[in-house]
PDB file of N, CA and C in Angstrom:
ATOM      1  N   UNK A   1       0.844  -1.182   0.000  1.00  0.00           N
ATOM      2  CA  UNK A   1       0.000   0.000   0.000  1.00  0.00           C
ATOM      3  C   UNK A   1       0.886   1.241   0.000  1.00  0.00           C
ATOM      4  N   UNK A   2       0.576   2.146  -0.843  1.00  0.00           N
ATOM      5  CA  UNK A   2       1.363   3.373  -0.975  1.00  0.00           C
ATOM      6  C   UNK A   2       1.102   4.301   0.213  1.00  0.00           C
ATOM      7  N   UNK A   3       2.173   4.832   0.776  1.00  0.00           N
ATOM      8  CA  UNK A   3       2.041   5.720   1.928  1.00  0.00           C
ATOM      9  C   UNK A   3       1.708   7.153   1.530  1.00  0.00           C
ATOM     10  N   UNK A   4       1.919   7.492   0.251  1.00  0.00           N
ATOM     11  CA  UNK A   4       1.711   8.878  -0.169  1.00  0.00           C
ATOM     12  C   UNK A   4       0.652   8.963  -1.273  1.00  0.00           C
ATOM     13  N   UNK A   5      -0.549   8.521  -0.962  1.00  0.00           N
ATOM     14  CA  UNK A   5      -1.652   8.562  -1.928  1.00  0.00           C
ATOM     15  C   UNK A   5      -2.280   9.945  -1.948  1.00  0.00           C
ATOM     16  N   UNK A   6      -2.484  10.464  -3.140  1.00  0.00           N
ATOM     17  CA  UNK A   6      -3.184  11.735  -3.322  1.00  0.00           C
ATOM     18  C   UNK A   6      -4.505  11.443  -4.017  1.00  0.00           C
ATOM     19  N   UNK A   7      -5.594  11.889  -3.436  1.00  0.00           N
ATOM     20  CA  UNK A   7      -6.906  11.701  -4.049  1.00  0.00           C
ATOM     21  C   UNK A   7      -7.070  12.757  -5.131  1.00  0.00           C
ATOM     22  N   UNK A   8      -7.263  12.309  -6.370  1.00  0.00           N
ATOM     23  CA  UNK A   8      -7.423  13.214  -7.497  1.00  0.00           C
ATOM     24  C   UNK A   8      -8.876  13.509  -7.811  1.00  0.00           C
ATOM     25  N   UNK A   9      -9.737  12.513  -7.625  1.00  0.00           N
ATOM     26  CA  UNK A   9     -11.141  12.683  -7.964  1.00  0.00           C
ATOM     27  C   UNK A   9     -11.963  11.640  -7.226  1.00  0.00           C
ATOM     28  N   UNK A  10     -13.202  12.005  -6.921  1.00  0.00           N
ATOM     29  CA  UNK A  10     -14.138  11.097  -6.236  1.00  0.00           C
ATOM     30  C   UNK A  10     -15.480  11.140  -6.930  1.00  0.00           C
ATOM     31  N   UNK A  11     -16.211  10.056  -6.816  1.00  0.00           N
ATOM     32  CA  UNK A  11     -17.595  10.014  -7.280  1.00  0.00           C
ATOM     33  C   UNK A  11     -18.377   9.142  -6.311  1.00  0.00           C
ATOM     34  N   UNK A  12     -19.626   8.935  -6.618  1.00  0.00           N
ATOM     35  CA  UNK A  12     -20.488   8.134  -5.739  1.00  0.00           C
ATOM     36  C   UNK A  12     -19.962   6.709  -5.595  1.00  0.00           C
ATOM     37  N   UNK A  13     -19.474   6.138  -6.683  1.00  0.00           N
ATOM     38  CA  UNK A  13     -19.058   4.737  -6.676  1.00  0.00           C
ATOM     39  C   UNK A  13     -17.564   4.519  -6.846  1.00  0.00           C
ATOM     40  N   UNK A  14     -16.767   5.590  -6.833  1.00  0.00           N
ATOM     41  CA  UNK A  14     -15.356   5.365  -7.086  1.00  0.00           C
ATOM     42  C   UNK A  14     -14.466   6.489  -6.624  1.00  0.00           C
ATOM     43  N   UNK A  15     -13.172   6.212  -6.758  1.00  0.00           N
ATOM     44  CA  UNK A  15     -12.156   7.191  -6.394  1.00  0.00           C
ATOM     45  C   UNK A  15     -10.932   6.954  -7.283  1.00  0.00           C
ATOM     46  N   UNK A  16     -10.276   8.048  -7.674  1.00  0.00           N
ATOM     47  CA  UNK A  16      -9.040   7.977  -8.433  1.00  0.00           C
ATOM     48  C   UNK A  16      -7.939   8.587  -7.577  1.00  0.00           C
ATOM     49  N   UNK A  17      -6.884   7.809  -7.339  1.00  0.00           N
ATOM     50  CA  UNK A  17      -5.773   8.279  -6.516  1.00  0.00           C
ATOM     51  C   UNK A  17      -4.467   8.143  -7.291  1.00  0.00           C
ATOM     52  N   UNK A  18      -3.431   8.829  -6.800  1.00  0.00           N
ATOM     53  CA  UNK A  18      -2.099   8.755  -7.394  1.00  0.00           C
ATOM     54  C   UNK A  18      -1.084   8.561  -6.284  1.00  0.00           C
ATOM     55  N   UNK A  19      -0.174   7.626  -6.500  1.00  0.00           N
ATOM     56  CA  UNK A  19       0.892   7.371  -5.532  1.00  0.00           C
ATOM     57  C   UNK A  19       2.169   8.015  -6.034  1.00  0.00           C
ATOM     58  N   UNK A  20       2.714   8.957  -5.273  1.00  0.00           N
ATOM     59  CA  UNK A  20       3.948   9.641  -5.648  1.00  0.00           C
ATOM     60  C   UNK A  20       5.156   8.708  -5.622  1.00  0.00           C
ATOM     61  N   UNK A  21       5.098   7.678  -4.814  1.00  0.00           N
ATOM     62  CA  UNK A  21       6.233   6.764  -4.693  1.00  0.00           C
ATOM     63  C   UNK A  21       6.325   5.816  -5.893  1.00  0.00           C
ATOM     64  N   UNK A  22       5.220   5.162  -6.237  1.00  0.00           N
ATOM     65  CA  UNK A  22       5.221   4.186  -7.330  1.00  0.00           C
ATOM     66  C   UNK A  22       4.868   4.802  -8.680  1.00  0.00           C
ATOM     67  N   UNK A  23       4.364   6.042  -8.672  1.00  0.00           N
ATOM     68  CA  UNK A  23       3.931   6.747  -9.889  1.00  0.00           C
ATOM     69  C   UNK A  23       2.793   5.999 -10.590  1.00  0.00           C
ATOM     70  N   UNK A  24       1.951   5.358  -9.796  1.00  0.00           N
ATOM     71  CA  UNK A  24       0.807   4.622 -10.316  1.00  0.00           C
ATOM     72  C   UNK A  24      -0.493   5.315  -9.920  1.00  0.00           C
ATOM     73  N   UNK A  25      -1.440   5.305 -10.847  1.00  0.00           N
ATOM     74  CA  UNK A  25      -2.794   5.745 -10.549  1.00  0.00           C
ATOM     75  C   UNK A  25      -3.578   4.530 -10.100  1.00  0.00           C
ATOM     76  N   UNK A  26      -4.458   4.720  -9.137  1.00  0.00           N
ATOM     77  CA  UNK A  26      -5.315   3.635  -8.686  1.00  0.00           C
ATOM     78  C   UNK A  26      -6.760   4.079  -8.888  1.00  0.00           C
ATOM     79  N   UNK A  27      -7.476   3.330  -9.705  1.00  0.00           N
ATOM     80  CA  UNK A  27      -8.878   3.596  -9.975  1.00  0.00           C
ATOM     81  C   UNK A  27      -9.710   2.541  -9.274  1.00  0.00           C
ATOM     82  N   UNK A  28     -10.476   2.967  -8.278  1.00  0.00           N
ATOM     83  CA  UNK A  28     -11.407   2.084  -7.587  1.00  0.00           C
ATOM     84  C   UNK A  28     -12.799   2.450  -8.057  1.00  0.00           C
ATOM     85  N   UNK A  29     -13.507   1.476  -8.626  1.00  0.00           N
ATOM     86  CA  UNK A  29     -14.859   1.741  -9.108  1.00  0.00           C
ATOM     87  C   UNK A  29     -15.719   0.525  -8.788  1.00  0.00           C
ATOM     88  N   UNK A  30     -16.767   0.748  -8.002  1.00  0.00           N
ATOM     89  CA  UNK A  30     -17.600  -0.343  -7.477  1.00  0.00           C
ATOM     90  C   UNK A  30     -16.688  -1.350  -6.801  1.00  0.00           C
ATOM     91  N   UNK A  31     -16.656  -2.584  -7.260  1.00  0.00           N
ATOM     92  CA  UNK A  31     -15.799  -3.578  -6.620  1.00  0.00           C
ATOM     93  C   UNK A  31     -14.552  -3.876  -7.451  1.00  0.00           C
ATOM     94  N   UNK A  32     -14.208  -2.977  -8.374  1.00  0.00           N
ATOM     95  CA  UNK A  32     -13.044  -3.158  -9.244  1.00  0.00           C
ATOM     96  C   UNK A  32     -11.914  -2.229  -8.815  1.00  0.00           C
ATOM     97  N   UNK A  33     -10.696  -2.704  -8.960  1.00  0.00           N
ATOM     98  CA  UNK A  33      -9.526  -1.899  -8.633  1.00  0.00           C
ATOM     99  C   UNK A  33      -8.514  -2.059  -9.759  1.00  0.00           C
ATOM    100  N   UNK A  34      -8.089  -0.926 -10.321  1.00  0.00           N
ATOM    101  CA  UNK A  34      -7.095  -0.928 -11.382  1.00  0.00           C
ATOM    102  C   UNK A  34      -5.917  -0.078 -10.944  1.00  0.00           C
ATOM    103  N   UNK A  35      -4.708  -0.580 -11.159  1.00  0.00           N
ATOM    104  CA  UNK A  35      -3.498   0.198 -10.943  1.00  0.00           C
ATOM    105  C   UNK A  35      -2.896   0.440 -12.317  1.00  0.00           C
ATOM    106  N   UNK A  36      -2.785   1.712 -12.686  1.00  0.00           N
ATOM    107  CA  UNK A  36      -2.413   2.073 -14.044  1.00  0.00           C
ATOM    108  C   UNK A  36      -1.309   3.121 -14.046  1.00  0.00           C
ATOM    109  N   UNK A  37      -0.423   3.005 -15.025  1.00  0.00           N
ATOM    110  CA  UNK A  37       0.513   4.089 -15.282  1.00  0.00           C
ATOM    111  C   UNK A  37      -0.227   5.181 -16.043  1.00  0.00           C
ATOM    112  N   UNK A  38       0.395   6.348 -16.152  1.00  0.00           N
ATOM    113  CA  UNK A  38      -0.278   7.486 -16.776  1.00  0.00           C
ATOM    114  C   UNK A  38      -0.716   7.184 -18.199  1.00  0.00           C
ATOM    115  N   UNK A  39       0.128   6.528 -18.978  1.00  0.00           N
ATOM    116  CA  UNK A  39      -0.229   6.224 -20.372  1.00  0.00           C
ATOM    117  C   UNK A  39      -1.379   5.226 -20.438  1.00  0.00           C
ATOM    118  N   UNK A  40      -1.448   4.307 -19.480  1.00  0.00           N
ATOM    119  CA  UNK A  40      -2.548   3.345 -19.442  1.00  0.00           C
ATOM    120  C   UNK A  40      -3.852   4.035 -19.048  1.00  0.00           C
ATOM    121  N   UNK A  41      -3.758   4.987 -18.121  1.00  0.00           N
ATOM    122  CA  UNK A  41      -4.931   5.742 -17.704  1.00  0.00           C
ATOM    123  C   UNK A  41      -5.488   6.549 -18.870  1.00  0.00           C
ATOM    124  N   UNK A  42      -4.590   7.206 -19.629  1.00  0.00           N
ATOM    125  CA  UNK A  42      -5.025   7.981 -20.801  1.00  0.00           C
ATOM    126  C   UNK A  42      -5.641   7.076 -21.860  1.00  0.00           C
ATOM    127  N   UNK A  43      -5.060   5.900 -22.076  1.00  0.00           N
ATOM    128  CA  UNK A  43      -5.600   4.954 -23.054  1.00  0.00           C
ATOM    129  C   UNK A  43      -6.992   4.477 -22.638  1.00  0.00           C
ATOM    130  N   UNK A  44      -7.186   4.207 -21.348  1.00  0.00           N
ATOM    131  CA  UNK A  44      -8.492   3.793 -20.853  1.00  0.00           C
ATOM    132  C   UNK A  44      -9.518   4.900 -21.040  1.00  0.00           C
ATOM    133  N   UNK A  45      -9.137   6.124 -20.740  1.00  0.00           N
ATOM    134  CA  UNK A  45     -10.042   7.263 -20.903  1.00  0.00           C
ATOM    135  C   UNK A  45     -10.443   7.424 -22.370  1.00  0.00           C
ATOM    136  N   UNK A  46      -9.464   7.349 -23.277  1.00  0.00           N
ATOM    137  CA  UNK A  46      -9.766   7.468 -24.708  1.00  0.00           C
ATOM    138  C   UNK A  46     -10.681   6.350 -25.176  1.00  0.00           C
ATOM    139  N   UNK A  47     -10.439   5.138 -24.688  1.00  0.00           N
ATOM    140  CA  UNK A  47     -11.270   3.995 -25.063  1.00  0.00           C
ATOM    141  C   UNK A  47     -12.716   4.195 -24.608  1.00  0.00           C
ATOM    142  N   UNK A  48     -12.892   4.647 -23.382  1.00  0.00           N
ATOM    143  CA  UNK A  48     -14.245   4.852 -22.854  1.00  0.00           C
ATOM    144  C   UNK A  48     -14.939   5.988 -23.592  1.00  0.00           C
ATOM    145  N   UNK A  49     -14.190   7.058 -23.936  1.00  0.00           N
ATOM    146  CA  UNK A  49     -14.776   8.171 -24.684  1.00  0.00           C
ATOM    147  C   UNK A  49     -15.251   7.743 -26.067  1.00  0.00           C
ATOM    148  N   UNK A  50     -14.610   6.733 -26.650  1.00  0.00           N
ATOM    149  CA  UNK A  50     -14.946   6.295 -28.000  1.00  0.00           C
ATOM    150  C   UNK A  50     -16.023   5.228 -28.036  1.00  0.00           C
ATOM    151  N   UNK A  51     -16.517   4.793 -26.883  1.00  0.00           N
ATOM    152  CA  UNK A  51     -17.578   3.786 -26.871  1.00  0.00           C
ATOM    153  C   UNK A  51     -18.832   4.322 -27.550  1.00  0.00           C
ATOM    154  N   UNK A  52     -19.441   3.506 -28.365  1.00  0.00           N
ATOM    155  CA  UNK A  52     -20.679   3.880 -29.046  1.00  0.00           C
ATOM    156  C   UNK A  52     -21.859   3.416 -28.180  1.00  0.00           C
ATOM    157  N   UNK A  53     -22.241   4.264 -27.227  1.00  0.00           N
ATOM    158  CA  UNK A  53     -23.273   3.896 -26.257  1.00  0.00           C
ATOM    159  C   UNK A  53     -24.605   3.553 -26.906  1.00  0.00           C
ATOM    160  N   UNK A  54     -25.131   4.381 -27.843  1.00  0.00           N
ATOM    161  CA  UNK A  54     -26.409   4.027 -28.472  1.00  0.00           C
ATOM    162  C   UNK A  54     -26.375   2.684 -29.202  1.00  0.00           C
ATOM    163  N   UNK A  55     -25.231   2.379 -29.830  1.00  0.00           N
ATOM    164  CA  UNK A  55     -25.119   1.102 -30.539  1.00  0.00           C
ATOM    165  C   UNK A  55     -25.278  -0.060 -29.579  1.00  0.00           C
ATOM    166  N   UNK A  56     -24.522  -0.042 -28.486  1.00  0.00           N
ATOM    167  CA  UNK A  56     -24.574  -1.155 -27.543  1.00  0.00           C
ATOM    168  C   UNK A  56     -25.931  -1.250 -26.856  1.00  0.00           C
ATOM    169  N   UNK A  57     -26.526  -0.117 -26.530  1.00  0.00           N
ATOM    170  CA  UNK A  57     -27.840  -0.152 -25.887  1.00  0.00           C
ATOM    171  C   UNK A  57     -28.901  -0.718 -26.820  1.00  0.00           C
ATOM    172  N   UNK A  58     -28.828  -0.392 -28.109  1.00  0.00           N
ATOM    173  CA  UNK A  58     -29.817  -0.936 -29.054  1.00  0.00           C
ATOM    174  C   UNK A  58     -29.480  -2.375 -29.432  1.00  0.00           C
ATOM    175  N   UNK A  59     -28.187  -2.694 -29.541  1.00  0.00           N
ATOM    176  CA  UNK A  59     -27.769  -4.042 -29.909  1.00  0.00           C
ATOM    177  C   UNK A  59     -28.161  -5.070 -28.838  1.00  0.00           C
ATOM    178  N   UNK A  60     -28.106  -4.663 -27.594  1.00  0.00           N
ATOM    179  CA  UNK A  60     -28.425  -5.578 -26.484  1.00  0.00           C
ATOM    180  C   UNK A  60     -29.729  -5.197 -25.785  1.00  0.00           C
ATOM    181  N   UNK A  61     -30.657  -4.573 -26.518  1.00  0.00           N
ATOM    182  CA  UNK A  61     -31.887  -4.086 -25.892  1.00  0.00           C
ATOM    183  C   UNK A  61     -32.762  -5.206 -25.333  1.00  0.00           C
ATOM    184  N   UNK A  62     -32.686  -6.410 -25.882  1.00  0.00           N
ATOM    185  CA  UNK A  62     -33.500  -7.529 -25.401  1.00  0.00           C
ATOM    186  C   UNK A  62     -32.799  -8.367 -24.346  1.00  0.00           C
ATOM    187  N   UNK A  63     -31.619  -7.934 -23.959  1.00  0.00           N
ATOM    188  CA  UNK A  63     -30.874  -8.647 -22.935  1.00  0.00           C
ATOM    189  C   UNK A  63     -31.483  -8.342 -21.582  1.00  0.00           C
ATOM    190  N   UNK A  64     -31.546  -9.310 -20.703  1.00  0.00           N
ATOM    191  CA  UNK A  64     -32.245  -9.136 -19.430  1.00  0.00           C
ATOM    192  C   UNK A  64     -31.481  -8.278 -18.416  1.00  0.00           C
ATOM    193  N   UNK A  65     -30.198  -8.101 -18.583  1.00  0.00           N
ATOM    194  CA  UNK A  65     -29.409  -7.313 -17.640  1.00  0.00           C
ATOM    195  C   UNK A  65     -29.510  -5.829 -17.956  1.00  0.00           C
ATOM    196  N   UNK A  66     -29.447  -4.986 -16.933  1.00  0.00           N
ATOM    197  CA  UNK A  66     -29.546  -3.543 -17.171  1.00  0.00           C
ATOM    198  C   UNK A  66     -28.213  -2.935 -17.596  1.00  0.00           C
ATOM    199  N   UNK A  67     -27.125  -3.661 -17.416  1.00  0.00           N
ATOM    200  CA  UNK A  67     -25.813  -3.194 -17.886  1.00  0.00           C
ATOM    201  C   UNK A  67     -25.572  -3.780 -19.272  1.00  0.00           C
ATOM    202  N   UNK A  68     -25.551  -2.912 -20.270  1.00  0.00           N
ATOM    203  CA  UNK A  68     -25.486  -3.376 -21.642  1.00  0.00           C
ATOM    204  C   UNK A  68     -24.254  -2.902 -22.406  1.00  0.00           C
ATOM    205  N   UNK A  69     -23.385  -2.115 -21.792  1.00  0.00           N
ATOM    206  CA  UNK A  69     -22.236  -1.542 -22.491  1.00  0.00           C
ATOM    207  C   UNK A  69     -20.974  -2.270 -22.040  1.00  0.00           C
ATOM    208  N   UNK A  70     -20.317  -2.994 -22.964  1.00  0.00           N
ATOM    209  CA  UNK A  70     -19.111  -3.735 -22.592  1.00  0.00           C
ATOM    210  C   UNK A  70     -17.858  -2.866 -22.669  1.00  0.00           C
ATOM    211  N   UNK A  71     -16.986  -3.016 -21.683  1.00  0.00           N
ATOM    212  CA  UNK A  71     -15.668  -2.389 -21.692  1.00  0.00           C
ATOM    213  C   UNK A  71     -14.666  -3.533 -21.596  1.00  0.00           C
ATOM    214  N   UNK A  72     -13.915  -3.738 -22.670  1.00  0.00           N
ATOM    215  CA  UNK A  72     -12.917  -4.795 -22.713  1.00  0.00           C
ATOM    216  C   UNK A  72     -11.682  -4.332 -21.950  1.00  0.00           C
ATOM    217  N   UNK A  73     -11.234  -5.151 -21.025  1.00  0.00           N
ATOM    218  CA  UNK A  73     -10.081  -4.800 -20.202  1.00  0.00           C
ATOM    219  C   UNK A  73      -9.030  -5.888 -20.364  1.00  0.00           C
ATOM    220  N   UNK A  74      -7.879  -5.492 -20.854  1.00  0.00           N
ATOM    221  CA  UNK A  74      -6.766  -6.440 -20.970  1.00  0.00           C
ATOM    222  C   UNK A  74      -7.040  -7.532 -21.976  1.00  0.00           C
ATOM    223  N   UNK A  75      -7.238  -8.713 -21.494  1.00  0.00           N
ATOM    224  CA  UNK A  75      -7.469  -9.873 -22.350  1.00  0.00           C
ATOM    225  C   UNK A  75      -8.892  -9.871 -22.895  1.00  0.00           C
ATOM    226  N   UNK A  76      -9.100 -10.602 -23.976  1.00  0.00           N
ATOM    227  CA  UNK A  76     -10.420 -10.645 -24.613  1.00  0.00           C
ATOM    228  C   UNK A  76     -11.472 -11.324 -23.741  1.00  0.00           C
ATOM    229  N   UNK A  77     -11.068 -12.147 -22.831  1.00  0.00           N
ATOM    230  CA  UNK A  77     -12.032 -12.880 -22.011  1.00  0.00           C
ATOM    231  C   UNK A  77     -12.453 -12.127 -20.747  1.00  0.00           C
ATOM    232  N   UNK A  78     -11.973 -10.913 -20.553  1.00  0.00           N
ATOM    233  CA  UNK A  78     -12.363 -10.127 -19.372  1.00  0.00           C
ATOM    234  C   UNK A  78     -13.055  -8.852 -19.829  1.00  0.00           C
ATOM    235  N   UNK A  79     -14.353  -8.790 -19.583  1.00  0.00           N
ATOM    236  CA  UNK A  79     -15.169  -7.660 -20.022  1.00  0.00           C
ATOM    237  C   UNK A  79     -15.960  -7.138 -18.836  1.00  0.00           C
ATOM    238  N   UNK A  80     -15.957  -5.826 -18.679  1.00  0.00           N
ATOM    239  CA  UNK A  80     -16.754  -5.179 -17.639  1.00  0.00           C
ATOM    240  C   UNK A  80     -18.027  -4.670 -18.304  1.00  0.00           C
ATOM    241  N   UNK A  81     -19.166  -4.943 -17.716  1.00  0.00           N
ATOM    242  CA  UNK A  81     -20.428  -4.444 -18.231  1.00  0.00           C
ATOM    243  C   UNK A  81     -20.898  -3.278 -17.374  1.00  0.00           C
ATOM    244  N   UNK A  82     -21.238  -2.180 -18.037  1.00  0.00           N
ATOM    245  CA  UNK A  82     -21.694  -0.984 -17.340  1.00  0.00           C
ATOM    246  C   UNK A  82     -22.927  -0.431 -18.045  1.00  0.00           C
ATOM    247  N   UNK A  83     -23.598   0.489 -17.380  1.00  0.00           N
ATOM    248  CA  UNK A  83     -24.705   1.198 -18.032  1.00  0.00           C
ATOM    249  C   UNK A  83     -24.251   2.620 -18.352  1.00  0.00           C
ATOM    250  N   UNK A  84     -25.123   3.380 -18.984  1.00  0.00           N
ATOM    251  CA  UNK A  84     -24.769   4.730 -19.441  1.00  0.00           C
ATOM    252  C   UNK A  84     -24.343   5.635 -18.277  1.00  0.00           C
ATOM    253  N   UNK A  85     -25.040   5.547 -17.149  1.00  0.00           N
ATOM    254  CA  UNK A  85     -24.708   6.388 -16.001  1.00  0.00           C
ATOM    255  C   UNK A  85     -23.324   6.050 -15.457  1.00  0.00           C
ATOM    256  N   UNK A  86     -22.978   4.768 -15.445  1.00  0.00           N
ATOM    257  CA  UNK A  86     -21.658   4.372 -14.956  1.00  0.00           C
ATOM    258  C   UNK A  86     -20.553   4.830 -15.907  1.00  0.00           C
ATOM    259  N   UNK A  87     -20.833   4.828 -17.212  1.00  0.00           N
ATOM    260  CA  UNK A  87     -19.850   5.338 -18.176  1.00  0.00           C
ATOM    261  C   UNK A  87     -19.590   6.817 -17.906  1.00  0.00           C
ATOM    262  N   UNK A  88     -20.669   7.587 -17.693  1.00  0.00           N
ATOM    263  CA  UNK A  88     -20.498   9.015 -17.412  1.00  0.00           C
ATOM    264  C   UNK A  88     -19.737   9.228 -16.106  1.00  0.00           C
ATOM    265  N   UNK A  89     -20.007   8.403 -15.106  1.00  0.00           N
ATOM    266  CA  UNK A  89     -19.310   8.516 -13.829  1.00  0.00           C
ATOM    267  C   UNK A  89     -17.823   8.177 -13.982  1.00  0.00           C
ATOM    268  N   UNK A  90     -17.518   7.145 -14.768  1.00  0.00           N
ATOM    269  CA  UNK A  90     -16.124   6.790 -15.024  1.00  0.00           C
ATOM    270  C   UNK A  90     -15.384   7.918 -15.736  1.00  0.00           C
ATOM    271  N   UNK A  91     -16.027   8.507 -16.742  1.00  0.00           N
ATOM    272  CA  UNK A  91     -15.405   9.615 -17.459  1.00  0.00           C
ATOM    273  C   UNK A  91     -15.170  10.803 -16.528  1.00  0.00           C
ATOM    274  N   UNK A  92     -16.102  11.043 -15.618  1.00  0.00           N
ATOM    275  CA  UNK A  92     -15.922  12.105 -14.641  1.00  0.00           C
ATOM    276  C   UNK A  92     -14.756  11.824 -13.708  1.00  0.00           C
ATOM    277  N   UNK A  93     -14.609  10.566 -13.298  1.00  0.00           N
ATOM    278  CA  UNK A  93     -13.485  10.192 -12.441  1.00  0.00           C
ATOM    279  C   UNK A  93     -12.149  10.359 -13.160  1.00  0.00           C
ATOM    280  N   UNK A  94     -12.127  10.010 -14.438  1.00  0.00           N
ATOM    281  CA  UNK A  94     -10.873  10.053 -15.196  1.00  0.00           C
ATOM    282  C   UNK A  94     -10.508  11.455 -15.652  1.00  0.00           C
ATOM    283  N   UNK A  95     -11.411  12.405 -15.512  1.00  0.00           N
ATOM    284  CA  UNK A  95     -11.121  13.787 -15.887  1.00  0.00           C
ATOM    285  C   UNK A  95     -10.496  14.492 -14.702  1.00  0.00           C
ATOM    286  N   UNK A  96      -9.190  14.484 -14.671  1.00  0.00           N
ATOM    287  CA  UNK A  96      -8.485  15.066 -13.527  1.00  0.00           C
ATOM    288  C   UNK A  96      -7.942  16.452 -13.833  1.00  0.00           C
ATOM    289  N   UNK A  97      -8.153  16.950 -15.049  1.00  0.00           N
ATOM    290  CA  UNK A  97      -7.680  18.290 -15.375  1.00  0.00           C
ATOM    291  C   UNK A  97      -8.544  19.322 -14.668  1.00  0.00           C
ATOM    292  N   UNK A  98      -7.922  20.424 -14.313  1.00  0.00           N
ATOM    293  CA  UNK A  98      -8.667  21.525 -13.713  1.00  0.00           C
ATOM    294  C   UNK A  98      -9.511  22.182 -14.791  1.00  0.00           C
ATOM    295  N   UNK A  99     -10.769  22.479 -14.502  1.00  0.00           N
ATOM    296  CA  UNK A  99     -11.594  23.133 -15.515  1.00  0.00           C
ATOM    297  C   UNK A  99     -11.078  24.545 -15.798  1.00  0.00           C
ATOM    298  N   UNK A 100     -11.173  24.938 -17.052  1.00  0.00           N
ATOM    299  CA  UNK A 100     -10.756  26.281 -17.433  1.00  0.00           C
ATOM    300  C   UNK A 100     -11.862  27.267 -17.086  1.00  0.00           C
ATOM    301  N   UNK A 101     -11.682  27.966 -15.991  1.00  0.00           N
ATOM    302  CA  UNK A 101     -12.655  28.946 -15.535  1.00  0.00           C
ATOM    303  C   UNK A 101     -12.046  30.321 -15.739  1.00  0.00           C
ATOM    304  N   UNK A 102     -12.724  31.121 -16.529  1.00  0.00           N
ATOM    305  CA  UNK A 102     -12.218  32.475 -16.775  1.00  0.00           C
ATOM    306  C   UNK A 102     -12.509  33.333 -15.553  1.00  0.00           C
ATOM    307  N   UNK A 103     -11.463  33.829 -14.948  1.00  0.00           N
ATOM    308  CA  UNK A 103     -11.627  34.680 -13.770  1.00  0.00           C
ATOM    309  C   UNK A 103     -11.777  36.125 -14.210  1.00  0.00           C
ATOM    310  N   UNK A 104     -12.593  36.850 -13.492  1.00  0.00           N
ATOM    311  CA  UNK A 104     -12.787  38.271 -13.781  1.00  0.00           C
ATOM    312  C   UNK A 104     -11.689  39.103 -13.132  1.00  0.00           C
ATOM    313  N   UNK A 105     -11.310  40.140 -13.818  1.00  0.00           N
ATOM    314  CA  UNK A 105     -10.405  41.121 -13.243  1.00  0.00           C
ATOM    315  C   UNK A 105     -11.248  42.274 -12.709  1.00  0.00           C
ATOM    316  N   UNK A 106     -10.676  43.073 -11.858  1.00  0.00           N
ATOM    317  CA  UNK A 106     -11.479  44.153 -11.281  1.00  0.00           C
ATOM    318  C   UNK A 106     -11.944  45.132 -12.360  1.00  0.00           C
ATOM    319  N   UNK A 107     -11.225  45.235 -13.472  1.00  0.00           N
ATOM    320  CA  UNK A 107     -11.646  46.131 -14.558  1.00  0.00           C
ATOM    321  C   UNK A 107     -12.901  45.609 -15.263  1.00  0.00           C
ATOM    322  N   UNK A 108     -13.138  44.296 -15.189  1.00  0.00           N
ATOM    323  CA  UNK A 108     -14.278  43.684 -15.872  1.00  0.00           C
ATOM    324  C   UNK A 108     -15.599  43.899 -15.137  1.00  0.00           C
ATOM    325  N   UNK A 109     -15.531  44.324 -13.889  1.00  0.00           N
ATOM    326  CA  UNK A 109     -16.738  44.477 -13.084  1.00  0.00           C
ATOM    327  C   UNK A 109     -17.232  45.913 -13.202  1.00  0.00           C
ATOM    328  N   UNK A 110     -18.419  46.062 -13.740  1.00  0.00           N
ATOM    329  CA  UNK A 110     -19.021  47.383 -13.903  1.00  0.00           C
ATOM    330  C   UNK A 110     -19.921  47.640 -12.695  1.00  0.00           C
ATOM    331  N   UNK A 111     -19.331  48.239 -11.676  1.00  0.00           N
ATOM    332  CA  UNK A 111     -20.063  48.455 -10.436  1.00  0.00           C
ATOM    333  C   UNK A 111     -19.603  49.758  -9.816  1.00  0.00           C
ATOM    334  N   UNK A 112     -20.555  50.555  -9.436  1.00  0.00           N
ATOM    335  CA  UNK A 112     -20.222  51.819  -8.797  1.00  0.00           C
ATOM    336  C   UNK A 112     -20.326  51.613  -7.293  1.00  0.00           C
ATOM    337  N   UNK A 113     -19.184  51.719  -6.627  1.00  0.00           N
ATOM    338  CA  UNK A 113     -19.141  51.512  -5.182  1.00  0.00           C
ATOM    339  C   UNK A 113     -19.502  52.818  -4.478  1.00  0.00           C
ATOM    340  N   UNK A 114     -20.498  52.729  -3.609  1.00  0.00           N
ATOM    341  CA  UNK A 114     -20.932  53.911  -2.853  1.00  0.00           C
ATOM    342  C   UNK A 114     -20.815  53.587  -1.367  1.00  0.00           C
ATOM    343  N   UNK A 115     -20.052  54.402  -0.675  1.00  0.00           N
ATOM    344  CA  UNK A 115     -19.921  54.209   0.764  1.00  0.00           C
ATOM    345  C   UNK A 115     -21.050  54.972   1.471  1.00  0.00           C
ATOM    346  N   UNK A 116     -21.642  54.361   2.439  1.00  0.00           N
ATOM    347  CA  UNK A 116     -22.706  55.003   3.219  1.00  0.00           C
ATOM    348  C   UNK A 116     -22.142  55.609   4.486  1.00  0.00           C
TER     349      UNK A 116
END
């Protein structure tokens, strides 16, 4: 277990952490745990972003399980099944970049200050 874990992101069902010692990311989601290097994490994120959700939902619409979207992990015989909400949650967990928020400068604020 890494002694210097930094929590990068959290969601209802998961957490993404980074260990400064081993330089590994740890993705915990439901009952799954993945330890990934940065390039593996980026590859997983790109793979999930490219999933054709409508295709899988329509292709498996008569399947009795509510999880209809397959995510192939590693070998061909290991597949994780998720639903649309879990895909969105995973993408949210894997988005560790800071959002670009435009900050206002004092010149941008049109306000007349009146002291009472």
